[in-house]
Protein backbone atom coordinates (compact mmCIF):
# COMPACT_ATOMS: atom_id res chain seq x y z
CA MET A 1 -10.03 8.40 1.77
CA LEU A 2 -12.16 11.12 3.54
CA ARG A 3 -11.81 14.80 1.81
CA SER A 4 -11.95 18.48 3.67
CA PRO A 5 -15.47 19.11 3.93
CA VAL A 6 -16.33 22.78 2.27
CA VAL A 7 -17.33 25.30 4.39
CA CYS A 8 -19.49 28.17 4.02
CA ILE A 9 -20.24 31.09 6.46
CA LEU A 10 -23.92 33.50 6.53
CA ALA A 11 -24.90 35.78 7.92
CA HIS A 12 -26.94 39.11 8.22
CA VAL A 13 -24.91 42.72 7.94
CA ASP A 14 -22.62 43.22 10.60
CA HIS A 15 -23.39 39.94 12.36
CA GLY A 16 -19.55 39.00 12.27
CA LYS A 17 -19.15 36.77 9.40
CA THR A 18 -16.04 38.22 8.40
CA SER A 19 -14.48 38.76 11.72
CA ILE A 20 -15.39 35.23 12.56
CA LEU A 21 -13.63 33.60 9.49
CA ASP A 22 -10.66 36.32 10.59
CA ARG A 23 -10.10 35.40 14.23
CA ILE A 24 -10.21 31.49 12.68
CA ARG A 25 -7.22 32.37 10.47
CA GLY A 26 -5.74 34.51 13.48
CA THR A 27 -6.26 31.41 15.95
CA ALA A 28 -4.81 28.92 12.91
CA VAL A 29 -1.91 31.43 12.83
CA ALA A 30 -0.73 31.32 16.62
CA ALA A 31 -0.88 27.91 16.10
CA LYS A 32 1.68 27.96 13.17
CA GLU A 33 3.57 25.01 15.09
CA ALA A 34 0.95 22.64 13.97
CA GLY A 35 0.62 23.54 10.27
CA GLY A 36 -1.14 27.16 10.56
CA ILE A 37 -3.26 28.08 7.97
CA THR A 38 -3.18 28.21 3.65
CA GLN A 39 -4.81 30.93 1.94
CA MET A 40 -6.24 29.38 -1.87
CA ILE A 41 -8.01 31.53 -4.28
CA GLY A 42 -11.41 31.84 -2.86
CA ALA A 43 -10.90 29.96 -0.20
CA TYR A 44 -8.76 28.85 3.17
CA TYR A 45 -7.41 25.50 4.60
CA LEU A 46 -7.54 24.65 8.06
CA PRO A 47 -5.01 21.67 8.39
CA ILE A 48 -6.60 18.84 11.01
CA ALA A 49 -3.34 19.71 12.92
CA SER A 50 -4.52 22.75 14.02
CA ILE A 51 -7.56 21.65 15.50
CA THR A 52 -5.72 19.14 17.47
CA ALA A 53 -3.36 21.88 18.67
CA LEU A 54 -6.34 24.31 20.22
CA CYS A 55 -8.36 21.46 21.16
CA GLY A 56 -6.24 18.43 22.17
CA ASP A 57 -7.66 18.28 25.78
CA ALA A 58 -11.14 18.76 25.32
CA MET A 59 -10.68 15.86 22.66
CA ALA A 60 -9.28 13.95 25.10
CA LYS A 61 -11.45 14.67 27.84
CA LYS A 62 -14.84 13.74 24.98
CA GLY A 63 -12.88 10.86 23.43
CA ILE A 64 -13.22 12.73 20.02
CA SER A 65 -10.48 11.11 17.32
CA LEU A 66 -10.55 13.46 13.96
CA ARG A 67 -9.56 11.95 10.93
CA LEU A 68 -10.51 14.27 8.51
CA PRO A 69 -7.55 16.12 6.86
CA GLY A 70 -8.83 19.47 7.53
CA LEU A 71 -11.69 21.90 6.62
CA LEU A 72 -11.11 24.53 3.86
CA PHE A 73 -13.41 27.71 4.80
CA ILE A 74 -14.62 29.33 1.28
CA ASP A 75 -14.11 33.21 1.75
CA THR A 76 -15.91 34.72 -1.57
CA PRO A 77 -17.45 37.73 0.19
CA GLY A 78 -20.35 38.81 -2.43
CA HIS A 79 -20.48 35.20 -3.80
CA GLU A 80 -21.72 33.10 -0.92
CA ALA A 81 -20.86 29.69 -0.68
CA PHE A 82 -24.57 28.80 -1.26
CA THR A 83 -24.84 30.78 -4.58
CA SER A 84 -22.51 28.40 -6.58
CA MET A 85 -23.93 24.79 -7.56
CA ARG A 86 -22.49 21.38 -7.97
CA GLU A 87 -23.80 18.34 -10.06
CA ARG A 88 -26.11 16.80 -7.63
CA GLY A 89 -27.77 20.71 -6.76
CA GLY A 90 -28.01 22.48 -4.04
CA SER A 91 -24.67 23.87 -2.59
CA ILE A 92 -20.74 23.70 -3.05
CA ALA A 93 -20.77 23.83 0.41
CA ASP A 94 -21.14 20.48 2.53
CA ILE A 95 -21.66 22.05 6.06
CA ALA A 96 -22.00 25.84 7.13
CA ILE A 97 -21.58 28.27 9.75
CA LEU A 98 -24.63 30.99 10.41
CA VAL A 99 -23.59 33.50 12.23
CA ILE A 100 -26.15 35.32 14.27
CA ASP A 101 -25.69 38.15 16.61
CA VAL A 102 -27.01 37.04 20.22
CA ASN A 103 -27.78 40.38 21.07
CA GLN A 104 -29.71 41.33 17.57
CA GLY A 105 -31.04 37.62 17.46
CA ILE A 106 -32.52 36.81 13.95
CA GLN A 107 -32.55 39.43 11.65
CA PRO A 108 -34.28 39.56 8.01
CA GLN A 109 -31.34 38.05 6.20
CA THR A 110 -30.42 35.49 8.70
CA VAL A 111 -34.18 34.14 7.65
CA GLU A 112 -32.78 34.39 3.99
CA SER A 113 -29.96 32.03 4.78
CA ILE A 114 -31.83 30.21 6.83
CA LYS A 115 -34.54 29.36 3.75
CA ILE A 116 -31.34 29.01 1.55
CA LEU A 117 -29.43 26.41 3.47
CA LYS A 118 -33.03 24.56 4.04
CA GLN A 119 -33.67 24.60 0.53
CA ASN A 120 -30.02 23.16 -0.32
CA LYS A 121 -30.35 20.93 2.18
CA THR A 122 -27.11 22.15 3.67
CA PRO A 123 -26.07 20.63 7.47
CA PHE A 124 -25.25 23.70 9.50
CA ILE A 125 -24.21 24.88 13.05
CA VAL A 126 -25.18 28.41 14.71
CA ALA A 127 -22.16 30.68 16.03
CA LEU A 128 -23.77 33.09 18.57
CA ASN A 129 -21.38 36.01 17.94
CA LYS A 130 -20.50 38.97 20.18
CA ILE A 131 -20.67 37.65 23.69
CA ASP A 132 -18.02 40.14 24.67
CA MET A 133 -20.75 42.79 24.04
CA ILE A 134 -23.30 41.18 26.59
CA ASP A 135 -23.60 43.45 29.82
CA GLY A 136 -21.13 42.90 32.24
CA TRP A 137 -19.21 40.10 30.28
CA LYS A 138 -15.42 39.93 30.69
CA ALA A 139 -13.45 39.07 27.87
CA GLN A 140 -11.38 36.30 28.43
CA GLN A 141 -8.93 35.62 25.48
CA GLY A 142 -9.37 32.76 23.21
CA LEU A 143 -10.80 30.59 25.63
CA PHE A 144 -13.01 27.58 25.55
CA PHE A 145 -16.80 29.35 26.07
CA ILE A 146 -17.42 27.05 29.07
CA ASP A 147 -14.27 27.92 30.64
CA SER A 148 -14.87 31.37 30.33
CA LEU A 149 -18.85 30.96 30.99
CA ASP A 150 -17.32 29.99 34.44
CA ARG A 151 -14.86 32.87 35.24
CA GLN A 152 -18.50 35.30 34.28
CA SER A 153 -20.78 37.58 37.00
CA ALA A 154 -24.28 35.59 37.64
CA HIS A 155 -25.79 38.55 35.78
CA ALA A 156 -23.81 38.27 32.63
CA GLN A 157 -24.50 34.39 32.39
CA GLU A 158 -28.12 35.50 33.00
CA LYS A 159 -28.87 38.14 29.82
CA LEU A 160 -26.38 35.57 28.14
CA ASP A 161 -29.61 33.01 28.92
CA GLU A 162 -32.28 35.36 27.84
CA ARG A 163 -30.43 36.48 24.63
CA LEU A 164 -29.91 32.68 24.07
CA TYR A 165 -33.60 31.77 24.86
CA THR A 166 -34.97 34.35 22.94
CA ILE A 167 -32.93 32.80 20.01
CA LEU A 168 -34.17 29.13 20.22
CA GLY A 169 -37.78 30.56 20.62
CA LYS A 170 -37.57 32.32 17.16
CA LEU A 171 -35.53 28.70 15.78
CA SER A 172 -38.72 27.05 17.05
CA GLU A 173 -40.45 29.19 14.92
CA MET A 174 -38.88 28.31 11.98
CA GLY A 175 -39.18 24.73 12.30
CA PHE A 176 -36.08 24.25 13.77
CA GLU A 177 -35.08 22.71 17.45
CA SER A 178 -31.91 23.95 18.75
CA GLU A 179 -30.03 23.92 22.06
CA ARG A 180 -26.63 25.62 22.88
CA PHE A 181 -24.11 23.28 22.35
CA ASP A 182 -23.02 21.50 25.67
CA ARG A 183 -27.09 20.87 26.37
CA VAL A 184 -27.72 18.87 23.08
CA THR A 185 -28.77 15.72 24.22
CA ASP A 186 -28.97 14.73 19.80
CA PHE A 187 -27.34 15.70 17.71
CA THR A 188 -29.46 14.08 15.08
CA LYS A 189 -32.77 16.32 16.07
CA GLN A 190 -31.21 19.82 17.68
CA LEU A 191 -29.33 22.52 15.92
CA VAL A 192 -25.99 23.44 17.75
CA LEU A 193 -25.39 27.19 18.35
CA VAL A 194 -21.74 27.64 19.88
CA PRO A 195 -21.54 31.22 21.78
CA CYS A 196 -18.71 33.11 21.01
CA SER A 197 -17.06 36.18 20.08
CA ALA A 198 -14.54 36.70 16.90
CA LYS A 199 -13.19 39.98 18.79
CA SER A 200 -11.76 37.94 21.89
CA GLY A 201 -11.39 34.55 20.77
CA GLU A 202 -13.76 32.53 23.66
CA GLY A 203 -15.24 30.15 22.07
CA ILE A 204 -13.94 30.03 18.86
CA PRO A 205 -12.51 26.67 19.74
CA ASP A 206 -15.33 25.28 20.62
CA LEU A 207 -16.64 26.33 16.88
CA LEU A 208 -13.90 24.54 14.99
CA LEU A 209 -13.99 21.14 17.17
CA PHE A 210 -17.62 21.09 16.67
CA LEU A 211 -17.85 21.78 12.67
CA ALA A 212 -15.31 19.07 12.45
CA GLY A 213 -16.63 16.61 14.53
CA LEU A 214 -20.39 17.00 13.03
CA SER A 215 -18.99 16.82 10.09
CA GLN A 216 -16.99 13.81 10.40
CA ARG A 217 -20.03 12.02 11.87
CA PHE A 218 -22.86 12.63 9.79
CA LEU A 219 -21.00 13.66 6.71
CA GLU A 220 -18.98 10.85 6.33
CA LYS A 221 -20.40 8.90 3.13
CA SER A 222 -20.52 12.20 1.41
CA LEU A 223 -16.99 13.26 2.15
CA GLU A 224 -15.57 9.99 0.41
CA SER A 225 -13.56 11.17 -2.28
CA GLU A 226 -11.81 9.40 -5.00
CA VAL A 227 -7.95 11.03 -4.60
CA ASP A 228 -6.80 10.13 -8.14
CA GLY A 229 -10.73 10.63 -10.11
CA PRO A 230 -11.54 13.21 -12.08
CA ALA A 231 -11.87 16.46 -10.69
CA LYS A 232 -15.25 17.91 -10.20
CA GLY A 233 -15.90 21.43 -8.71
CA SER A 234 -17.96 25.05 -9.21
CA ILE A 235 -16.58 28.12 -11.03
CA ILE A 236 -16.57 30.99 -8.50
CA GLU A 237 -15.20 34.11 -10.20
CA LEU A 238 -14.46 35.03 -13.42
CA LYS A 239 -10.94 37.26 -13.66
CA ASP A 240 -8.78 38.79 -16.00
CA GLU A 241 -5.61 38.02 -14.69
CA LYS A 242 -2.82 40.22 -16.25
CA GLY A 243 -0.39 38.52 -18.48
CA LEU A 244 -2.27 35.38 -18.42
CA GLY A 245 -6.09 36.26 -20.05
CA THR A 246 -9.43 35.26 -18.88
CA THR A 247 -9.03 32.76 -16.00
CA ILE A 248 -11.48 31.13 -13.50
CA ASP A 249 -11.52 30.43 -10.00
CA ILE A 250 -13.05 27.25 -9.08
CA ILE A 251 -13.51 25.18 -5.63
CA ILE A 252 -12.77 21.66 -6.02
CA TYR A 253 -14.64 19.17 -4.19
CA ASP A 254 -13.96 15.22 -5.51
CA GLY A 255 -11.17 13.81 -7.37
CA THR A 256 -7.59 15.52 -8.77
CA LEU A 257 -7.34 18.22 -11.32
CA VAL A 258 -4.39 17.93 -13.83
CA LYS A 259 -2.67 20.44 -15.85
CA ASN A 260 -3.91 19.82 -19.41
CA SER A 261 -6.92 17.72 -18.23
CA THR A 262 -10.41 18.73 -20.42
CA ILE A 263 -13.22 20.29 -18.26
CA VAL A 264 -16.08 20.73 -19.35
CA PHE A 265 -18.26 24.14 -17.96
CA GLY A 266 -21.44 26.20 -18.33
CA THR A 267 -21.49 29.20 -20.66
CA GLN A 268 -23.41 31.67 -21.56
CA ASN A 269 -23.85 29.78 -25.27
CA GLY A 270 -24.18 26.57 -23.56
CA VAL A 271 -21.39 24.22 -22.79
CA ALA A 272 -18.21 24.30 -24.02
CA SER A 273 -14.77 22.54 -23.10
CA ALA A 274 -11.13 23.61 -22.84
CA LYS A 275 -7.88 21.83 -22.16
CA VAL A 276 -6.05 23.49 -18.54
CA ARG A 277 -3.33 25.34 -19.45
CA ALA A 278 -1.98 26.09 -16.03
CA ILE A 279 -3.10 25.29 -12.18
CA LEU A 280 -2.68 27.98 -9.86
CA ARG A 281 -2.76 28.99 -6.43
CA PRO A 282 -1.06 31.69 -4.46
CA PRO A 283 2.31 31.76 -2.53
CA HIS A 284 2.58 30.02 0.66
CA PRO A 285 3.98 32.89 3.32
CA GLY A 286 7.98 32.43 2.94
CA GLU A 287 7.36 30.65 -0.10
CA LYS A 288 9.64 32.81 -3.07
CA VAL A 289 8.27 33.28 -6.35
CA ASN A 290 9.49 34.40 -9.95
CA ALA A 291 10.12 38.45 -10.24
CA GLY A 292 6.39 39.87 -11.26
CA GLU A 293 3.86 36.58 -10.30
CA LYS A 294 2.14 36.81 -8.09
CA PHE A 295 0.56 32.42 -8.32
CA ILE A 296 2.33 28.96 -7.68
CA TYR A 297 2.18 27.27 -11.42
CA MET A 298 0.85 23.51 -10.06
CA ASP A 299 0.78 20.24 -11.79
CA ALA A 300 -2.12 18.99 -10.02
CA VAL A 301 -4.47 19.44 -7.02
CA HIS A 302 -6.76 16.97 -5.24
CA ALA A 303 -10.05 18.13 -3.38
CA ALA A 304 -11.09 20.11 -1.58
CA ALA A 305 -8.97 22.89 -2.42
CA GLY A 306 -9.48 26.39 -4.34
CA VAL A 307 -7.10 27.14 -7.22
CA LYS A 308 -7.00 29.08 -10.22
CA ILE A 309 -7.15 27.71 -13.81
CA TYR A 310 -6.00 29.36 -17.16
CA ALA A 311 -7.25 28.04 -20.12
CA PRO A 312 -8.52 28.98 -23.77
CA GLY A 313 -12.13 29.70 -24.37
CA LEU A 314 -12.73 30.83 -20.86
CA GLU A 315 -14.53 34.33 -21.77
CA ALA A 316 -17.92 33.39 -21.63
CA ALA A 317 -17.96 30.70 -18.73
CA LEU A 318 -20.76 30.97 -16.24
CA PRO A 319 -19.75 32.07 -12.20
CA GLY A 320 -21.69 29.25 -10.35
CA SER A 321 -21.43 26.36 -13.00
CA PRO A 322 -20.24 22.68 -12.16
CA ILE A 323 -17.07 22.02 -13.66
CA MET A 324 -15.87 18.56 -14.60
CA VAL A 325 -12.89 16.62 -15.82
CA ALA A 326 -13.66 14.39 -18.58
CA ASP A 327 -11.42 12.28 -19.51
CA LYS A 328 -13.34 10.31 -22.29
CA GLU A 329 -15.69 11.46 -24.90
CA SER A 330 -18.32 9.21 -23.32
CA ASP A 331 -17.55 11.50 -19.70
CA ALA A 332 -17.83 14.57 -21.66
CA ALA A 333 -21.22 14.09 -23.68
CA SER A 334 -22.58 12.72 -20.29
CA TYR A 335 -21.90 15.86 -18.73
CA SER A 336 -22.16 18.03 -20.80
CA GLU A 337 -26.01 16.86 -20.87
CA GLU A 338 -26.22 17.20 -16.90
CA ILE A 339 -24.73 20.42 -16.90
CA THR A 340 -27.03 22.01 -19.85
CA SER A 341 -30.39 20.90 -17.57
CA GLN A 342 -29.03 22.58 -14.49
CA ILE A 343 -28.66 25.62 -16.68
CA LYS A 344 -31.85 25.14 -18.38
CA GLY A 345 -33.60 24.69 -15.01
CA ILE A 346 -32.08 28.06 -14.10
CA LEU A 347 -32.20 30.12 -16.27
CA VAL A 348 -35.15 31.27 -18.33
CA ALA A 349 -36.72 33.39 -20.86
CA HIS A 350 -40.48 33.62 -21.11
CA GLU A 351 -43.21 34.94 -23.43
CA SER A 352 -45.10 35.43 -20.42
CA ALA A 353 -44.79 38.59 -18.80
CA GLY A 354 -42.73 39.06 -15.69
CA VAL A 355 -39.48 40.82 -13.94
CA VAL A 356 -36.74 40.86 -15.74
CA VAL A 357 -33.47 39.04 -13.30
CA ARG A 358 -29.77 39.29 -13.59
CA THR A 359 -27.34 37.20 -10.81
CA ASP A 360 -23.95 37.02 -10.77
CA THR A 361 -24.13 33.42 -10.59
CA LEU A 362 -26.09 30.32 -11.22
CA GLY A 363 -26.31 29.57 -7.84
CA SER A 364 -27.70 32.71 -7.59
CA ALA A 365 -30.08 32.67 -10.04
CA GLU A 366 -31.48 29.64 -8.38
CA ALA A 367 -31.75 30.70 -5.04
CA PHE A 368 -33.65 34.26 -5.87
CA SER A 369 -35.93 32.07 -7.98
CA ARG A 370 -37.50 30.45 -5.40
CA ILE A 371 -37.16 33.20 -3.46
CA LEU A 372 -39.49 35.29 -6.08
CA ALA A 373 -41.50 32.28 -6.20
CA ALA A 374 -42.28 32.34 -2.69
CA ALA A 375 -43.42 35.87 -2.40
CA GLY A 376 -45.34 35.35 -5.60
CA ILE A 377 -44.05 37.37 -8.44
CA PRO A 378 -43.14 36.25 -11.92
CA VAL A 379 -40.13 36.18 -14.19
CA LYS A 380 -39.64 36.94 -17.49
CA SER A 381 -36.38 36.10 -17.89
CA MET A 382 -33.35 35.23 -15.64
CA HIS A 383 -29.94 36.02 -16.65
CA ILE A 384 -25.88 36.09 -15.34
CA GLY A 385 -23.90 38.73 -15.69
CA PRO A 386 -24.63 42.83 -15.85
CA ILE A 387 -27.59 44.50 -17.20
CA ALA A 388 -27.59 44.40 -21.10
CA LYS A 389 -29.80 46.82 -23.25
CA LYS A 390 -32.49 43.99 -24.20
CA ASP A 391 -33.45 43.79 -20.33
CA ILE A 392 -34.34 47.35 -20.37
CA ILE A 393 -36.69 46.83 -23.72
CA ASP A 394 -38.37 43.67 -22.50
CA ALA A 395 -39.11 44.84 -18.92
CA HIS A 396 -40.41 48.13 -21.21
CA ALA A 397 -42.36 45.80 -22.52
CA VAL A 398 -43.97 44.12 -19.60
CA ALA A 399 -44.62 47.56 -18.13
CA GLU A 400 -47.03 48.33 -21.12
CA SER A 401 -49.50 45.75 -19.56
CA ASP A 402 -48.74 45.77 -15.98
CA LYS A 403 -46.34 48.25 -14.65
CA TYR A 404 -45.89 46.55 -11.63
CA ILE A 405 -44.24 43.82 -12.70
CA GLY A 406 -42.21 46.18 -15.52
CA ALA A 407 -38.92 46.20 -13.68
CA VAL A 408 -35.54 44.69 -13.55
CA LEU A 409 -34.08 42.92 -10.29
CA ALA A 410 -30.41 42.57 -10.39
CA PHE A 411 -28.19 41.23 -7.25
CA ASN A 412 -24.67 41.81 -7.22
CA VAL A 413 -23.77 42.59 -11.18
CA PRO A 414 -22.83 45.91 -12.04
CA VAL A 415 -25.17 48.43 -13.57
CA THR A 416 -23.38 50.87 -15.71
CA SER A 417 -24.21 55.06 -16.40
CA GLU A 418 -25.31 53.95 -19.96
CA MET A 419 -27.72 51.13 -18.70
CA ASN A 420 -29.50 53.30 -15.32
CA GLU A 421 -29.37 55.73 -18.30
CA ALA A 422 -31.67 53.38 -21.00
CA ALA A 423 -33.93 52.69 -17.93
CA ALA A 424 -34.30 56.39 -17.07
CA ASP A 425 -35.13 56.72 -20.37
CA ALA A 426 -37.88 54.10 -20.76
CA ARG A 427 -39.25 55.07 -16.85
CA ILE A 428 -38.07 51.15 -16.05
CA PRO A 429 -36.86 50.97 -12.60
CA ILE A 430 -33.85 49.21 -11.56
CA PHE A 431 -33.24 47.57 -8.18
CA SER A 432 -29.93 46.48 -7.83
CA SER A 433 -28.32 45.17 -4.31
CA PRO A 434 -25.07 42.79 -3.23
CA VAL A 435 -27.82 41.32 -1.08
CA ILE A 436 -31.13 39.23 -2.27
CA TYR A 437 -33.37 40.59 0.14
CA HIS A 438 -32.65 43.94 0.12
CA THR A 439 -33.33 44.05 -3.72
CA LEU A 440 -36.58 42.09 -3.47
CA GLU A 441 -37.22 44.07 -0.44
CA GLU A 442 -36.70 47.82 -2.34
CA TYR A 443 -39.02 46.26 -5.51
CA GLN A 444 -41.64 45.23 -2.72
CA LYS A 445 -41.83 48.56 -1.57
CA TRP A 446 -41.44 50.75 -5.04
CA VAL A 447 -45.08 48.13 -5.93
CA LEU A 448 -46.88 48.89 -2.62
CA ALA A 449 -45.68 52.83 -3.48
CA GLU A 450 -46.98 52.70 -6.82
CA LYS A 451 -50.22 50.98 -6.06
CA HIS A 452 -50.72 53.61 -3.38
CA ARG A 453 -50.32 56.31 -5.73
CA ASP A 454 -52.08 55.17 -8.90
CA SER A 455 -55.07 54.61 -6.20
CA GLU A 456 -54.85 58.17 -5.14
CA ALA A 457 -55.07 58.87 -8.46
CA ALA A 458 -58.30 56.91 -8.73
CA LEU A 459 -59.83 58.32 -6.08
CA CYS A 460 -59.90 61.78 -7.28
CA GLN A 461 -61.29 60.90 -10.43
CA ILE A 462 -64.09 58.58 -9.51
CA VAL A 463 -67.20 58.47 -7.64
CA LEU A 464 -66.97 56.76 -4.06
CA PRO A 465 -69.86 54.67 -2.35
CA ALA A 466 -71.39 56.76 0.28
CA LYS A 467 -74.82 56.89 2.04
CA ILE A 468 -76.02 59.55 3.43
CA LYS A 469 -79.38 60.82 5.56
CA VAL A 470 -81.28 64.20 4.68
CA LEU A 471 -81.41 66.39 7.88
CA PRO A 472 -84.76 67.81 8.94
CA ASN A 473 -85.61 71.45 9.44
CA CYS A 474 -82.05 72.03 6.77
CA PHE A 475 -84.62 72.55 3.48
CA PHE A 476 -82.48 75.95 2.40
CA ARG A 477 -84.15 75.95 -1.26
CA LEU A 478 -86.31 73.96 -2.86
CA SER A 479 -85.17 73.80 -6.29
CA LYS A 480 -82.94 74.77 -9.09
CA PRO A 481 -81.01 74.12 -7.67
CA ALA A 482 -82.27 71.97 -4.11
CA VAL A 483 -79.73 72.97 -1.33
CA PHE A 484 -80.26 70.74 1.43
CA GLY A 485 -78.41 69.71 4.68
CA VAL A 486 -77.39 66.52 5.16
CA GLU A 487 -75.36 64.08 7.22
CA VAL A 488 -72.71 60.95 5.78
CA MET A 489 -73.90 58.04 7.29
CA GLN A 490 -71.23 55.70 5.78
CA GLY A 491 -68.58 56.05 2.91
CA ARG A 492 -66.80 59.27 1.63
CA LEU A 493 -69.40 61.57 -0.38
CA ARG A 494 -67.80 63.47 -3.24
CA SER A 495 -68.63 66.73 -5.16
CA LYS A 496 -70.29 65.62 -8.63
CA ALA A 497 -71.11 62.29 -7.43
CA THR A 498 -74.87 61.07 -8.87
CA LEU A 499 -77.08 60.61 -6.19
CA MET A 500 -79.85 58.04 -5.86
CA ASP A 501 -82.75 56.73 -3.20
CA GLY A 502 -82.93 53.49 -1.50
CA ASN A 503 -84.92 52.01 -4.86
CA GLY A 504 -82.64 53.52 -7.14
CA ASN A 505 -84.81 56.44 -8.80
CA VAL A 506 -82.36 58.76 -9.57
CA ILE A 507 -82.38 62.10 -7.51
CA GLY A 508 -79.71 64.68 -9.37
CA VAL A 509 -75.68 65.79 -9.55
CA ILE A 510 -74.01 67.08 -6.39
CA LYS A 511 -72.88 70.69 -7.87
CA GLN A 512 -71.50 71.94 -4.59
CA MET A 513 -70.63 71.14 -0.90
CA GLN A 514 -69.88 73.48 1.93
CA ASN A 515 -69.25 73.14 5.54
CA ASP A 516 -69.75 76.36 7.26
CA ALA A 517 -69.51 78.27 4.31
CA LYS A 518 -67.10 76.59 2.90
CA PRO A 519 -66.05 74.47 -0.04
CA VAL A 520 -65.87 70.76 0.54
CA ASP A 521 -64.39 68.37 -2.19
CA ILE A 522 -64.70 65.15 0.01
CA ALA A 523 -66.78 64.63 3.69
CA SER A 524 -66.20 61.22 5.51
CA PRO A 525 -69.00 59.40 7.96
CA GLY A 526 -70.27 61.60 10.94
CA THR A 527 -69.65 65.32 8.78
CA GLN A 528 -72.95 67.52 8.53
CA LEU A 529 -72.55 69.62 5.36
CA ALA A 530 -75.15 71.78 2.96
CA ILE A 531 -75.01 69.71 -0.40
CA SER A 532 -76.54 71.18 -4.05
CA VAL A 533 -78.72 69.45 -6.20
CA ASP A 534 -79.57 70.70 -9.62
CA GLU A 535 -82.23 68.29 -10.71
CA ALA A 536 -83.78 67.81 -7.07
CA PHE A 537 -87.15 69.06 -5.48
CA CYS A 538 -86.98 69.04 -1.76
CA GLY A 539 -89.56 67.78 -0.34
CA LYS A 540 -90.99 65.70 -3.96
CA SER A 541 -87.68 64.37 -4.57
CA PHE A 542 -86.91 63.29 -1.14
CA LYS A 543 -88.29 64.25 2.49
CA ALA A 544 -86.16 64.61 5.82
CA GLY A 545 -84.86 62.07 7.61
CA ASP A 546 -84.63 59.77 3.93
CA THR A 547 -81.22 58.15 3.14
CA LEU A 548 -79.68 58.15 -0.37
CA LEU A 549 -76.72 56.69 -1.66
CA THR A 550 -74.30 57.58 -4.26
CA VAL A 551 -74.87 55.80 -7.80
CA ILE A 552 -71.83 53.64 -8.78
CA ASP A 553 -71.58 51.90 -12.34
CA LYS A 554 -70.12 48.87 -13.51
CA LYS A 555 -66.95 50.35 -14.50
CA GLN A 556 -66.70 52.65 -11.64
CA SER A 557 -67.00 49.58 -9.34
CA GLU A 558 -64.21 47.52 -11.10
CA ILE A 559 -61.72 50.59 -10.55
CA ILE A 560 -62.51 50.56 -6.85
CA ARG A 561 -62.21 47.07 -6.96
CA THR A 562 -58.39 46.66 -8.71
CA GLN A 563 -56.62 50.03 -8.05
CA CYS A 564 -58.12 51.45 -5.16
CA LYS A 565 -59.20 48.26 -2.74
CA ASP A 566 -56.10 48.86 -0.83
CA ASP A 567 -57.36 52.12 0.37
CA MET A 568 -61.10 51.23 1.00
CA SER A 569 -62.56 49.75 4.21
CA GLU A 570 -64.60 46.26 4.68
CA ASP A 571 -67.53 49.47 5.13
CA GLU A 572 -67.06 51.02 1.97
CA LEU A 573 -66.55 47.75 -0.34
CA ARG A 574 -69.86 46.13 1.92
CA LEU A 575 -71.98 49.52 1.14
CA LEU A 576 -70.61 48.95 -2.87
CA ASP A 577 -72.03 45.93 -3.04
CA ASN A 578 -75.34 47.16 -1.76
CA ILE A 579 -75.35 49.86 -4.03
CA LEU A 580 -74.57 47.69 -6.90
CA ALA A 581 -77.89 45.16 -5.95
CA ILE A 582 -79.90 48.37 -5.58
CA THR A 583 -78.96 49.75 -8.71
CA ALA A 584 -79.57 46.05 -10.31
CA GLY A 585 -82.92 46.03 -8.71
CA ARG A 586 -82.12 43.83 -5.84
CA MET A 587 -82.42 44.66 -2.01
CA ILE A 588 -79.71 43.54 0.08
């Protein structure tokens, strides 16, 4: 039989992810006579009867018949559904809603979400939220989108189309052919966009109808479930519950979990097993619970569902790990190999240099690994859970050889004051955020700032490539020291630089530089100034109109090319090549 698809909601910050789920819940509650919506652990279950009650007329017109039992919406703030693994890899979600603010369009975190959905091969539809904020739009509470659109002014409709086509263009650049849901001609090739408003409820019935319809049409095979078969799921979160101890919140996407079953799951130290002592769920509205208790105890639960499990030995369970019921010893051995392989493929500890990474779940570790690899950033270690002292030590060891990757990157994990102090003492930066994109962005900003700072420091200490011309009628002193006028033709001229002629003959070292009788440390192209050179003799070492260049050895050249390249122009780098060729006895 078909099980309910697991639905996750992704969005850029403030685009309305939570608001969309709240509106779906509110809409379902309004249709409570049809079944409403049931709160689960980390999820909400919307029965198909509620969707039928909301969309019955539209379903009849379109000839749609829904056979799914319902939709399971994952509600795990800070633990996006794509951060939880399942046994075949990828996302725990069968389908996703990507929320985009129709007025702001595609933002950096939207791009990140799309990349992760593509990597996990998770199908998705787009909710174009906040149509009620479009100039001239008059909100129509809870209506289907087309019915609401018909009541809008030509100006408001035009503004919506302008924003829609901008988003369509951006999605096209990312490789997606997309269209507004009522204009789609091929659902197998075109990404569906549903304009809606979490605030007014407009378009929410369309969103639910297409979510259920597309799930049933294109995911039917993957949603076939053996109701009585052993459960498979994914650990969403590890929690301590008063009176119970350590528990795990899980999403079951296949089979049935029965009390006293043996479960196999991943831990920090490998694979472990435990016997389920209790299966718990929140009480339904109006359902009575014993005094002092927050949960209802269950004997069994069928997919798809979100529940809490209590069992001895869960303390080291890994959020994001697959969890499987093993009825036989052979199953336990097979599942252990499978889970071990997954964990080893994600969590790494290399001898080679790289950043140290901490994330909240296995899935987020996998997502972060892919993002870092795409950015060309090496990883020394990738682990789950809070930052530890060893992470600081490892990062410090890396910084000894390469300061730019001697850092700790943390996603959605706590950073204690003790770890912050240890990192500060070791001069190791920690970059932490509940958003992967922000963690990476802050690290990359730091690398650029450090490289610029190091480049400026190096530039202050080394000779730079410069080409100057001796000015006519500007021999102010012939020798000891020779004082004469020059113009900088290329590069940057700095005091203390050694000068040579075009044949590589050394003229002497610049003792001082002055412009309008004021000392100058560095001069750029076009600047005319007087310089003094101890060893030179005006008229003998050089004559008016001659071209002179700074002398740069191989060591200085390497510093320029490695530490200062970003601060050097193409013209300066070409001049550097010319200078090196002259000192080597070869003209370019």
